[in-house]
């Protein structure tokens, strides 16, 4: 039995396939970019809605809390901060890098 192999990988066929690949890749990257921008905008909007519900606190309470945060570590005390008003947490969330 004799068999002959014919390749469809001619330069023209490869150029056509590569051109289609480049076109499809550009369309895919555009879709991914659009989805990322939409997700970022939605997350930013959600954070803005949450931040807009934060109530201002009296300046004296903030100063007192700042003094406690600055001087407590140097004094070696670890007493919890008393809340200034109902619903105010006794500990602030840690900020990365501090």
Protein backbone atom coordinates (compact mmCIF):
# COMPACT_ATOMS: atom_id res chain seq x y z
CA UNK A 1 0.00 0.00 0.00
CA UNK A 2 1.39 3.35 -0.98
CA UNK A 3 0.37 6.52 0.86
CA UNK A 4 1.28 10.06 0.11
CA UNK A 5 1.14 12.87 2.63
CA UNK A 6 -0.09 16.25 1.55
CA UNK A 7 0.39 19.16 3.95
CA UNK A 8 -2.09 22.01 4.15
CA UNK A 9 0.53 24.14 5.85
CA UNK A 10 1.37 26.33 2.94
CA UNK A 11 2.64 29.83 3.64
CA UNK A 12 -0.65 31.30 2.42
CA UNK A 13 -2.71 29.04 4.69
CA UNK A 14 -0.47 29.82 7.66
CA UNK A 15 -0.72 33.57 6.99
CA UNK A 16 -4.51 33.33 6.85
CA UNK A 17 -4.69 31.37 10.08
CA UNK A 18 -2.29 33.74 11.81
CA UNK A 19 -4.25 36.79 10.63
CA UNK A 20 -7.46 35.28 12.02
CA UNK A 21 -5.68 34.50 15.30
CA UNK A 22 -4.43 38.09 15.63
CA UNK A 23 -7.93 39.44 14.91
CA UNK A 24 -9.54 37.09 17.43
CA UNK A 25 -6.89 37.86 20.05
CA UNK A 26 -7.44 41.63 19.66
CA UNK A 27 -11.21 41.16 20.07
CA UNK A 28 -10.67 38.97 23.15
CA UNK A 29 -8.29 41.47 24.74
CA UNK A 30 -10.82 44.26 24.12
CA UNK A 31 -13.56 42.21 25.81
CA UNK A 32 -11.30 41.44 28.79
CA UNK A 33 -10.30 45.09 29.11
CA UNK A 34 -13.94 46.21 28.99
CA UNK A 35 -14.91 43.64 31.63
CA UNK A 36 -12.04 44.75 33.88
CA UNK A 37 -12.99 48.43 33.56
CA UNK A 38 -16.63 47.63 34.32
CA UNK A 39 -15.70 45.55 37.37
CA UNK A 40 -13.39 48.30 38.63
CA UNK A 41 -16.07 50.96 38.17
CA UNK A 42 -18.65 48.82 39.96
CA UNK A 43 -16.29 48.16 42.88
CA UNK A 44 -15.45 51.86 43.15
CA UNK A 45 -19.15 52.75 43.11
CA UNK A 46 -19.90 50.22 45.85
CA UNK A 47 -17.09 51.62 48.02
CA UNK A 48 -18.35 55.17 47.48
CA UNK A 49 -21.82 54.10 48.62
CA UNK A 50 -20.34 52.55 51.77
CA UNK A 51 -18.13 55.56 52.51
CA UNK A 52 -21.04 57.96 52.08
CA UNK A 53 -22.79 56.31 55.04
CA UNK A 54 -19.92 57.05 57.46
CA UNK A 55 -21.06 59.52 60.11
CA UNK A 56 -18.71 62.31 61.20
CA UNK A 57 -17.37 62.04 64.73
CA UNK A 58 -16.69 64.85 67.19
CA UNK A 59 -13.15 66.25 66.95
CA UNK A 60 -12.52 65.74 70.68
CA UNK A 61 -13.24 62.02 70.39
CA UNK A 62 -10.87 61.74 67.45
CA UNK A 63 -8.11 63.60 69.27
CA UNK A 64 -8.54 61.40 72.35
CA UNK A 65 -8.39 58.27 70.23
CA UNK A 66 -5.28 59.57 68.45
CA UNK A 67 -3.55 60.25 71.76
CA UNK A 68 -4.36 56.74 72.95
CA UNK A 69 -3.01 55.20 69.75
CA UNK A 70 0.21 57.23 69.92
CA UNK A 71 1.02 56.98 73.62
CA UNK A 72 -0.30 53.52 74.54
CA UNK A 73 2.45 51.55 72.72
CA UNK A 74 5.18 53.69 74.25
CA UNK A 75 3.75 53.14 77.74
CA UNK A 76 3.41 49.39 77.16
CA UNK A 77 -0.30 49.43 78.00
CA UNK A 78 -2.76 47.33 76.07
CA UNK A 79 -6.04 48.51 77.60
CA UNK A 80 -8.96 48.57 75.14
CA UNK A 81 -10.19 51.94 73.96
CA UNK A 82 -13.61 52.79 75.32
CA UNK A 83 -16.15 53.57 72.62
CA UNK A 84 -17.05 57.25 72.29
CA UNK A 85 -20.66 56.48 71.44
CA UNK A 86 -22.89 53.44 70.99
CA UNK A 87 -22.02 51.56 67.83
CA UNK A 88 -18.43 52.82 67.65
CA UNK A 89 -15.94 49.91 67.58
CA UNK A 90 -13.49 49.56 70.48
CA UNK A 91 -10.63 48.79 68.09
CA UNK A 92 -9.89 50.34 64.76
CA UNK A 93 -9.05 48.11 61.81
CA UNK A 94 -5.35 47.76 61.12
CA UNK A 95 -4.01 49.67 58.17
CA UNK A 96 -1.45 47.82 56.08
CA UNK A 97 2.00 49.31 56.35
CA UNK A 98 1.60 50.58 59.89
